[in-house]
């Protein structure tokens, strides 16, 4: 699989995850928001994770640097106080219509290893959900992913 960075631009809704930050229930409507660009001389994705907490919109800003020519593996580095924090993640699957993806993130000092299922659509229909569950089985992800509250 090879991905163009511009294919990832825009808003992605997190629908399924095993990431504790989304499972606690105090952070709602999480989205990944990507914008193609540069950070210094490096081309990648400006990354803003947006969610609602206590009725207020919050965000975490960073930059995703591709680590290979396929643009499927990345190192995220935070901005501001989070500039010392980095995280490795990868796209395990991007649907042929580029409407949904399965991503894997590695363990860090602050977070466990895990998976997210993200979609361009706020609401996924039954067919799309079935495709996702089939793909999770096909690629061997047996971890129970929880539905994220939208």
Protein backbone atom coordinates (compact mmCIF):
# COMPACT_ATOMS: atom_id res chain seq x y z
CA UNK A 1 0.00 0.00 0.00
CA UNK A 2 1.22 3.47 -0.91
CA UNK A 3 -0.60 6.58 0.27
CA UNK A 4 -0.36 10.16 -0.93
CA UNK A 5 -0.16 12.55 2.03
CA UNK A 6 -2.87 14.67 0.43
CA UNK A 7 -5.20 11.63 0.60
CA UNK A 8 -5.08 11.95 4.38
CA UNK A 9 -5.92 15.65 4.56
CA UNK A 10 -9.11 16.68 6.30
CA UNK A 11 -11.19 15.47 9.22
CA UNK A 12 -11.29 11.85 10.37
CA UNK A 13 -13.73 10.69 13.04
CA UNK A 14 -12.52 8.07 15.52
CA UNK A 15 -15.18 5.34 15.65
CA UNK A 16 -13.48 2.38 17.34
CA UNK A 17 -10.48 2.33 19.64
CA UNK A 18 -8.75 0.64 22.54
CA UNK A 19 -6.96 3.87 23.51
CA UNK A 20 -7.65 4.72 27.20
CA UNK A 21 -7.93 8.45 26.46
CA UNK A 22 -11.06 7.78 24.38
CA UNK A 23 -12.45 4.99 26.55
CA UNK A 24 -12.67 6.95 29.84
CA UNK A 25 -15.76 8.72 28.52
CA UNK A 26 -14.78 12.27 29.47
CA UNK A 27 -13.49 13.16 25.98
CA UNK A 28 -16.19 13.08 23.33
CA UNK A 29 -16.38 13.43 19.54
CA UNK A 30 -12.65 12.89 18.91
CA UNK A 31 -11.31 13.68 15.44
CA UNK A 32 -7.95 13.70 13.72
CA UNK A 33 -7.51 16.72 11.47
CA UNK A 34 -4.66 16.58 8.96
CA UNK A 35 -3.27 19.29 6.73
CA UNK A 36 -0.47 18.67 4.24
CA UNK A 37 2.52 20.94 4.79
CA UNK A 38 6.04 21.41 6.03
CA UNK A 39 7.69 21.77 9.39
CA UNK A 40 11.03 23.32 8.57
CA UNK A 41 12.38 21.33 5.62
CA UNK A 42 10.29 18.23 6.39
CA UNK A 43 7.12 17.49 4.41
CA UNK A 44 4.35 15.79 6.35
CA UNK A 45 1.03 16.41 8.01
CA UNK A 46 0.09 19.12 10.46
CA UNK A 47 -2.01 17.20 12.96
CA UNK A 48 -4.68 18.45 15.33
CA UNK A 49 -6.60 16.06 17.54
CA UNK A 50 -9.86 17.74 18.54
CA UNK A 51 -12.31 16.55 21.21
CA UNK A 52 -14.92 17.89 23.61
CA UNK A 53 -14.30 17.78 27.35
CA UNK A 54 -16.72 19.24 29.90
CA UNK A 55 -18.62 20.93 27.07
CA UNK A 56 -15.52 22.72 25.75
CA UNK A 57 -13.51 22.00 22.62
CA UNK A 58 -9.91 20.99 23.32
CA UNK A 59 -7.07 20.10 20.98
CA UNK A 60 -3.63 18.52 20.84
CA UNK A 61 -1.41 19.83 18.05
CA UNK A 62 1.55 18.14 16.45
CA UNK A 63 3.24 17.15 13.21
CA UNK A 64 3.40 13.73 11.54
CA UNK A 65 6.61 12.95 9.67
CA UNK A 66 6.51 10.00 7.26
CA UNK A 67 9.20 7.42 7.98
CA UNK A 68 9.05 5.58 4.65
CA UNK A 69 8.28 6.19 0.97
CA UNK A 70 4.82 4.60 1.23
CA UNK A 71 3.58 7.31 3.61
CA UNK A 72 2.04 4.67 5.86
CA UNK A 73 4.38 4.96 8.87
CA UNK A 74 4.81 8.16 10.83
CA UNK A 75 6.41 9.77 13.84
CA UNK A 76 4.16 12.28 15.58
CA UNK A 77 5.82 15.05 17.53
CA UNK A 78 3.85 17.46 19.66
CA UNK A 79 3.93 21.23 19.52
CA UNK A 80 4.71 23.59 22.39
CA UNK A 81 5.06 21.78 25.71
CA UNK A 82 4.46 18.51 23.89
CA UNK A 83 7.45 19.04 21.58
CA UNK A 84 9.43 16.60 23.74
CA UNK A 85 6.83 13.90 23.16
CA UNK A 86 6.82 11.66 20.11
CA UNK A 87 4.77 8.69 19.05
CA UNK A 88 5.07 6.19 16.20
CA UNK A 89 1.97 5.16 14.30
CA UNK A 90 1.08 3.46 11.04
CA UNK A 91 -1.78 2.93 8.65
CA UNK A 92 -2.54 -0.79 8.54
CA UNK A 93 -5.35 -0.42 6.03
CA UNK A 94 -6.88 2.39 3.98
CA UNK A 95 -10.12 1.49 2.21
CA UNK A 96 -10.06 1.62 -1.58
CA UNK A 97 -12.41 4.62 -1.54
CA UNK A 98 -10.19 6.29 1.12
CA UNK A 99 -13.23 6.76 3.41
CA UNK A 100 -11.94 4.75 6.40
CA UNK A 101 -8.70 3.41 7.82
CA UNK A 102 -7.27 1.20 10.54
CA UNK A 103 -4.29 2.65 12.35
CA UNK A 104 -1.88 1.19 14.88
CA UNK A 105 0.06 3.23 17.41
CA UNK A 106 3.09 2.02 19.33
CA UNK A 107 3.51 2.12 23.09
CA UNK A 108 5.13 5.26 24.50
CA UNK A 109 6.12 6.32 28.01
CA UNK A 110 2.63 7.82 28.37
CA UNK A 111 0.36 5.56 26.29
CA UNK A 112 -0.14 1.85 25.60
CA UNK A 113 0.04 0.25 22.16
CA UNK A 114 -3.30 0.16 20.38
CA UNK A 115 -5.58 0.64 17.41
CA UNK A 116 -8.05 3.20 16.09
CA UNK A 117 -10.60 2.85 13.31
CA UNK A 118 -11.18 6.22 11.70
CA UNK A 119 -13.61 7.37 9.03
CA UNK A 120 -14.32 10.45 6.96
CA UNK A 121 -17.95 10.06 7.89
CA UNK A 122 -19.47 11.05 11.22
CA UNK A 123 -21.96 8.19 10.82
CA UNK A 124 -20.97 4.84 9.35
CA UNK A 125 -23.60 2.69 7.69
CA UNK A 126 -23.99 -1.03 8.42
CA UNK A 127 -22.13 -2.04 5.24
CA UNK A 128 -19.10 0.07 6.14
CA UNK A 129 -19.10 -1.27 9.70
CA UNK A 130 -19.20 -4.86 8.40
CA UNK A 131 -16.30 -4.14 5.99
CA UNK A 132 -14.29 -2.79 8.92
CA UNK A 133 -14.98 -5.79 11.16
CA UNK A 134 -14.08 -8.16 8.31
CA UNK A 135 -10.83 -6.30 7.64
CA UNK A 136 -9.89 -6.32 11.34
CA UNK A 137 -10.25 -10.13 11.31
CA UNK A 138 -8.38 -10.46 8.00
CA UNK A 139 -5.35 -8.53 9.26
CA UNK A 140 -5.39 -10.41 12.56
CA UNK A 141 -6.48 -7.74 15.01
CA UNK A 142 -8.19 -9.71 17.77
CA UNK A 143 -8.14 -6.89 20.30
CA UNK A 144 -11.60 -5.80 21.37
CA UNK A 145 -12.11 -2.25 20.09
CA UNK A 146 -14.81 -0.17 21.75
CA UNK A 147 -17.26 2.07 19.95
CA UNK A 148 -16.34 5.70 20.65
CA UNK A 149 -19.11 8.05 21.71
CA UNK A 150 -19.91 10.58 18.99
